[in-house]
Amino acid sequence: MPMGPDFPGQAIDFIEPCSAALQRGTMAPAVTLQLQAMKLSKKLSPSIVEACRPESAPYRLWDTTVPQLHLRVQPSGVKSWNVQWSRTSTRALGKWPGVTVESARAKAKAVLVETDRLGAPLAVVEAAKPKASTLGEFIAGAYASWARGHLKDGATNINRMDGGYALRIPLDAIAEMHRVLRPGGVALVQDLSRDASPAAIDDEVQHMNLGRANAFVTKLILGTFLRRRAYTTSQLRELAGKSPFGACDIRHEGIGFELRLAKRSA
């Protein structure tokens, strides 16, 4: 029997009666797989989409023209478009018939181009940008909520960023360190370095064993928002020079630094 875009009605009429047999498992395995492939993947057209009937559970109908594009059909009869931009992430494109087949393909292609260029759809990138007015509010609010839900050790990441990364060190705080230290004592400050290279940030995130989307967001936070608020080596030396310590020793490791401030012996 001919099947394809020229015979959408015949294809649907042939496949739909097979649902019961597929559910009963009375078909041969090879036939079952063939029918499932026929049902779930085809070159979508308005007539095929219109002919899709709701079932007892939601199902997806994939487009062969843009393989990452699929139509999701709900038991209620609602049909919506989605594009899979990573192994575990999808992006909603709108509902049929408001979004046509050609419009869905165009939107899906645009999302895939953004993902190829940015690592994720532009909307995901924009949503990752901090909305808080200060870094502390961002870490305690939006980032903390995201980290607890997406990172394996979210609490540690939150404490690490809140307590160390991009810390602003006022001169009066350094002066207080100097006051309370015994002669010969050393104050240590560990922080994210503004001189951290993209390669060093990539290496740091790689060792966190995150998924693709989580790794992208973490790199974005470390490489842009937090690094812009961090100190360069020259700024740290200038800061130490203006303080009662008069000088400092800076040691770099990975994406961070360790600032050593020694109080001279009496």
Protein backbone atom coordinates (compact mmCIF):
# COMPACT_ATOMS: atom_id res chain seq x y z
CA MET A 1 0.00 0.00 0.00
CA PRO A 2 1.49 3.41 -0.90
CA MET A 3 2.35 5.55 2.10
CA GLY A 4 3.89 8.98 2.61
CA PRO A 5 2.93 12.66 2.34
CA ASP A 6 0.79 11.98 -0.76
CA PHE A 7 -1.33 9.46 1.14
CA PRO A 8 -1.64 10.84 4.70
CA GLY A 9 -5.15 9.60 5.24
CA GLN A 10 -4.32 6.07 4.14
CA ALA A 11 -1.21 6.01 6.34
CA ILE A 12 -3.12 7.09 9.43
CA ASP A 13 -6.03 4.77 8.69
CA PHE A 14 -3.61 1.87 8.30
CA ILE A 15 -1.54 2.59 11.42
CA GLU A 16 -4.24 3.53 13.93
CA PRO A 17 -6.02 0.12 13.96
CA CYS A 18 -2.68 -1.43 14.90
CA SER A 19 -2.58 0.31 18.28
CA ALA A 20 -4.57 -2.39 20.04
CA ALA A 21 -2.39 -5.14 18.59
CA LEU A 22 0.75 -3.27 19.59
CA GLN A 23 -0.55 -2.88 23.15
CA ARG A 24 -1.51 -6.58 23.35
CA GLY A 25 1.96 -7.56 22.10
CA THR A 26 0.48 -10.05 19.62
CA MET A 27 2.57 -8.85 16.66
CA ALA A 28 6.00 -10.19 15.77
CA PRO A 29 8.83 -8.05 17.21
CA ALA A 30 10.09 -6.98 13.77
CA VAL A 31 6.61 -5.92 12.70
CA THR A 32 6.08 -4.11 16.01
CA LEU A 33 9.28 -2.07 15.63
CA GLN A 34 8.44 -1.23 12.02
CA LEU A 35 4.95 -0.03 12.91
CA GLN A 36 6.25 2.02 15.84
CA ALA A 37 8.79 3.72 13.56
CA MET A 38 6.09 4.37 10.95
CA LYS A 39 3.80 5.83 13.58
CA LEU A 40 6.31 7.95 15.48
CA SER A 41 8.46 9.38 12.66
CA LYS A 42 7.37 10.80 9.31
CA LYS A 43 7.56 13.91 7.13
CA LEU A 44 4.86 15.92 8.85
CA SER A 45 2.23 17.80 6.88
CA PRO A 46 -0.93 19.67 7.90
CA SER A 47 -3.12 16.72 6.95
CA ILE A 48 -1.02 14.25 8.97
CA VAL A 49 -1.00 16.52 12.02
CA GLU A 50 -4.74 17.08 11.73
CA ALA A 51 -5.34 13.33 11.47
CA CYS A 52 -3.36 12.50 14.66
CA ARG A 53 -5.83 11.17 17.21
CA PRO A 54 -5.43 11.35 21.00
CA GLU A 55 -4.66 8.13 22.85
CA SER A 56 -4.83 7.08 26.49
CA ALA A 57 -1.27 8.36 27.05
CA PRO A 58 0.65 11.27 25.48
CA TYR A 59 2.81 10.40 22.46
CA ARG A 60 5.25 12.17 20.14
CA LEU A 61 5.31 12.27 16.37
CA TRP A 62 8.78 13.17 15.07
CA ASP A 63 9.44 15.08 11.86
CA THR A 64 11.90 13.57 9.39
CA THR A 65 12.62 16.95 7.76
CA VAL A 66 13.89 18.48 11.03
CA PRO A 67 14.63 15.34 13.11
CA GLN A 68 14.78 17.22 16.44
CA LEU A 69 11.25 18.59 15.92
CA HIS A 70 8.28 16.66 17.26
CA LEU A 71 4.56 17.06 17.78
CA ARG A 72 3.27 16.06 21.22
CA VAL A 73 -0.31 14.81 21.29
CA GLN A 74 -2.07 14.83 24.66
CA PRO A 75 -5.00 12.57 25.67
CA SER A 76 -7.07 15.77 25.75
CA GLY A 77 -6.41 16.26 22.04
CA VAL A 78 -4.09 19.24 22.52
CA LYS A 79 -1.20 19.17 20.02
CA SER A 80 1.98 21.13 20.72
CA TRP A 81 5.33 21.56 19.01
CA ASN A 82 8.68 20.99 20.73
CA VAL A 83 12.31 20.85 19.63
CA GLN A 84 14.89 18.71 21.42
CA TRP A 85 18.06 20.83 21.65
CA SER A 86 20.07 18.48 23.88
CA ARG A 87 19.89 14.86 24.97
CA THR A 88 17.66 15.75 27.92
CA SER A 89 16.25 19.21 27.13
CA THR A 90 13.43 20.43 24.89
CA ARG A 91 12.03 23.84 23.99
CA ALA A 92 8.30 24.50 23.49
CA LEU A 93 7.45 26.18 20.18
CA GLY A 94 3.68 26.63 20.46
CA LYS A 95 0.47 24.74 19.83
CA TRP A 96 -1.15 23.49 16.66
CA PRO A 97 -2.95 24.93 14.70
CA GLY A 98 -1.72 28.36 15.85
CA VAL A 99 1.80 27.27 14.89
CA THR A 100 1.80 25.61 11.49
CA VAL A 101 4.11 22.82 10.33
CA GLU A 102 6.36 25.20 8.37
CA SER A 103 6.42 27.73 11.20
CA ALA A 104 7.36 25.00 13.69
CA ARG A 105 10.21 23.88 11.42
CA ALA A 106 11.48 27.46 11.10
CA LYS A 107 11.35 27.97 14.89
CA ALA A 108 13.07 24.63 15.52
CA LYS A 109 15.89 25.48 13.10
CA ALA A 110 16.38 28.86 14.80
CA VAL A 111 16.64 27.19 18.23
CA LEU A 112 19.18 24.67 16.90
CA VAL A 113 21.29 27.45 15.35
CA GLU A 114 21.29 29.31 18.71
CA THR A 115 22.27 26.11 20.51
CA ASP A 116 25.13 25.49 18.12
CA ARG A 117 26.38 29.07 18.59
CA LEU A 118 25.73 29.61 22.31
CA GLY A 119 25.58 26.11 23.78
CA ALA A 120 21.85 26.52 24.56
CA PRO A 121 18.83 28.38 23.13
CA LEU A 122 19.01 32.15 23.55
CA ALA A 123 16.00 32.10 25.90
CA VAL A 124 17.84 29.66 28.19
CA VAL A 125 20.94 31.85 28.14
CA GLU A 126 18.90 34.96 28.96
CA ALA A 127 17.05 33.17 31.76
CA ALA A 128 20.40 32.27 33.33
CA LYS A 129 21.38 35.91 33.72
CA PRO A 130 21.06 37.21 37.28
CA LYS A 131 18.07 39.41 38.04
CA ALA A 132 19.19 40.43 41.54
CA SER A 133 20.64 43.89 42.18
CA THR A 134 23.72 42.57 43.97
CA LEU A 135 25.90 39.47 43.65
CA GLY A 136 25.05 38.32 47.17
CA GLU A 137 21.32 38.53 46.48
CA PHE A 138 21.77 36.61 43.22
CA ILE A 139 23.72 33.77 44.87
CA ALA A 140 21.31 33.56 47.84
CA GLY A 141 18.21 33.77 45.63
CA ALA A 142 18.11 32.68 41.97
CA TYR A 143 21.38 30.74 41.91
CA ALA A 144 20.72 28.93 45.20
CA SER A 145 17.30 27.80 44.00
CA TRP A 146 18.72 26.55 40.69
CA ALA A 147 21.75 24.85 42.30
CA ARG A 148 19.68 22.89 44.85
CA GLY A 149 17.47 21.51 42.09
CA HIS A 150 20.11 20.82 39.42
CA LEU A 151 23.51 20.22 41.02
CA LYS A 152 24.45 16.98 42.78
CA ASP A 153 26.18 18.91 45.55
CA GLY A 154 24.26 22.17 45.27
CA ALA A 155 24.67 23.24 48.90
CA THR A 156 28.47 23.04 48.67
CA ASN A 157 28.46 25.10 45.47
CA ILE A 158 26.25 27.75 47.08
CA ASN A 159 28.48 28.00 50.17
CA ARG A 160 31.61 28.10 48.04
CA MET A 161 30.34 30.95 45.88
CA ASP A 162 28.70 32.84 48.71
CA GLY A 163 31.74 32.59 50.92
CA GLY A 164 34.56 33.00 48.41
CA TYR A 165 34.03 33.78 44.75
CA ALA A 166 34.08 37.42 43.71
CA LEU A 167 34.48 38.65 47.30
CA ARG A 168 34.91 42.43 47.59
CA ILE A 169 37.61 43.28 50.12
CA PRO A 170 37.38 46.83 51.50
CA LEU A 171 40.51 48.46 52.91
CA ASP A 172 39.00 48.83 56.37
CA ALA A 173 38.46 45.03 56.50
CA ILE A 174 42.13 44.46 55.64
CA ALA A 175 43.12 47.00 58.28
CA GLU A 176 41.06 45.07 60.84
CA MET A 177 42.84 41.84 59.84
CA HIS A 178 46.14 43.59 60.43
CA ARG A 179 45.02 44.88 63.83
CA VAL A 180 43.95 41.51 65.24
CA LEU A 181 46.92 39.52 63.89
CA ARG A 182 49.87 38.81 66.08
CA PRO A 183 53.24 40.03 64.79
CA GLY A 184 54.47 37.50 62.24
CA GLY A 185 50.92 36.25 61.61
CA VAL A 186 49.53 35.71 58.12
CA ALA A 187 46.01 36.44 56.84
CA LEU A 188 44.74 34.34 53.91
CA VAL A 189 42.10 35.37 51.39
CA GLN A 190 40.98 32.89 48.70
CA ASP A 191 38.86 34.08 45.80
CA LEU A 192 38.07 33.75 42.10
CA SER A 193 40.70 35.46 39.98
CA ARG A 194 39.68 37.87 37.27
CA ASP A 195 42.73 36.60 35.38
CA ALA A 196 41.24 33.09 35.20
CA SER A 197 41.34 31.91 31.58
CA PRO A 198 38.39 30.33 29.74
CA ALA A 199 40.43 27.11 29.56
CA ALA A 200 40.91 27.10 33.35
CA ILE A 201 37.17 27.67 33.88
CA ASP A 202 36.36 24.84 31.45
CA ASP A 203 38.71 22.53 33.35
CA GLU A 204 37.18 23.52 36.72
CA VAL A 205 33.62 22.85 35.51
CA GLN A 206 34.63 19.60 33.84
CA HIS A 207 35.76 18.23 37.21
CA MET A 208 32.31 19.04 38.66
CA ASN A 209 30.81 16.19 36.54
CA LEU A 210 27.75 18.20 35.53
CA GLY A 211 25.32 17.57 32.70
CA ARG A 212 25.53 19.62 29.51
CA ALA A 213 22.96 22.24 30.48
CA ASN A 214 24.20 22.56 34.08
CA ALA A 215 27.81 22.84 32.92
CA PHE A 216 26.82 25.58 30.47
CA VAL A 217 25.08 27.64 33.16
CA THR A 218 27.96 27.18 35.63
CA LYS A 219 30.52 28.28 33.01
CA LEU A 220 28.35 31.28 32.19
CA ILE A 221 28.17 32.33 35.85
CA LEU A 222 31.89 31.84 36.54
CA GLY A 223 33.13 33.27 33.26
CA THR A 224 30.98 36.40 33.14
CA PHE A 225 28.98 37.56 36.16
CA LEU A 226 31.41 36.46 38.89
CA ARG A 227 34.69 37.05 37.06
CA ARG A 228 33.71 40.64 36.23
CA ARG A 229 33.41 41.32 39.98
CA ALA A 230 36.72 39.66 40.86
CA TYR A 231 40.16 41.29 41.31
CA THR A 232 43.08 41.15 38.91
CA THR A 233 46.57 40.47 40.24
CA SER A 234 47.57 44.12 39.81
CA GLN A 235 44.46 45.30 41.70
CA LEU A 236 45.28 42.97 44.59
CA ARG A 237 48.84 44.24 44.82
CA GLU A 238 47.61 47.82 44.75
CA LEU A 239 45.06 47.04 47.48
CA ALA A 240 47.69 45.39 49.68
CA GLY A 241 50.08 48.28 49.11
CA LYS A 242 47.53 50.77 50.44
CA SER A 243 46.83 48.64 53.51
CA PRO A 244 48.81 48.45 56.80
CA PHE A 245 50.40 45.23 55.49
CA GLY A 246 52.16 47.20 52.75
CA ALA A 247 52.68 44.17 50.50
CA CYS A 248 51.33 40.71 49.73
CA ASP A 249 52.14 37.31 48.26
CA ILE A 250 49.75 35.99 45.59
CA ARG A 251 49.56 32.35 44.57
CA HIS A 252 47.39 31.22 41.65
CA GLU A 253 45.83 27.79 41.26
CA GLY A 254 43.14 26.83 38.77
CA ILE A 255 40.58 29.63 38.52
CA GLY A 256 41.36 31.12 41.93
CA PHE A 257 44.08 32.80 43.91
CA GLU A 258 45.35 32.81 47.47
CA LEU A 259 46.27 36.21 48.86
CA ARG A 260 48.75 36.08 51.77
CA LEU A 261 49.07 39.16 53.95
CA ALA A 262 51.89 38.94 56.53
CA LYS A 263 52.12 41.22 59.57
CA ARG A 264 55.71 42.25 60.23
CA SER A 265 57.28 41.07 63.45
CA ALA A 266 57.68 43.74 66.11
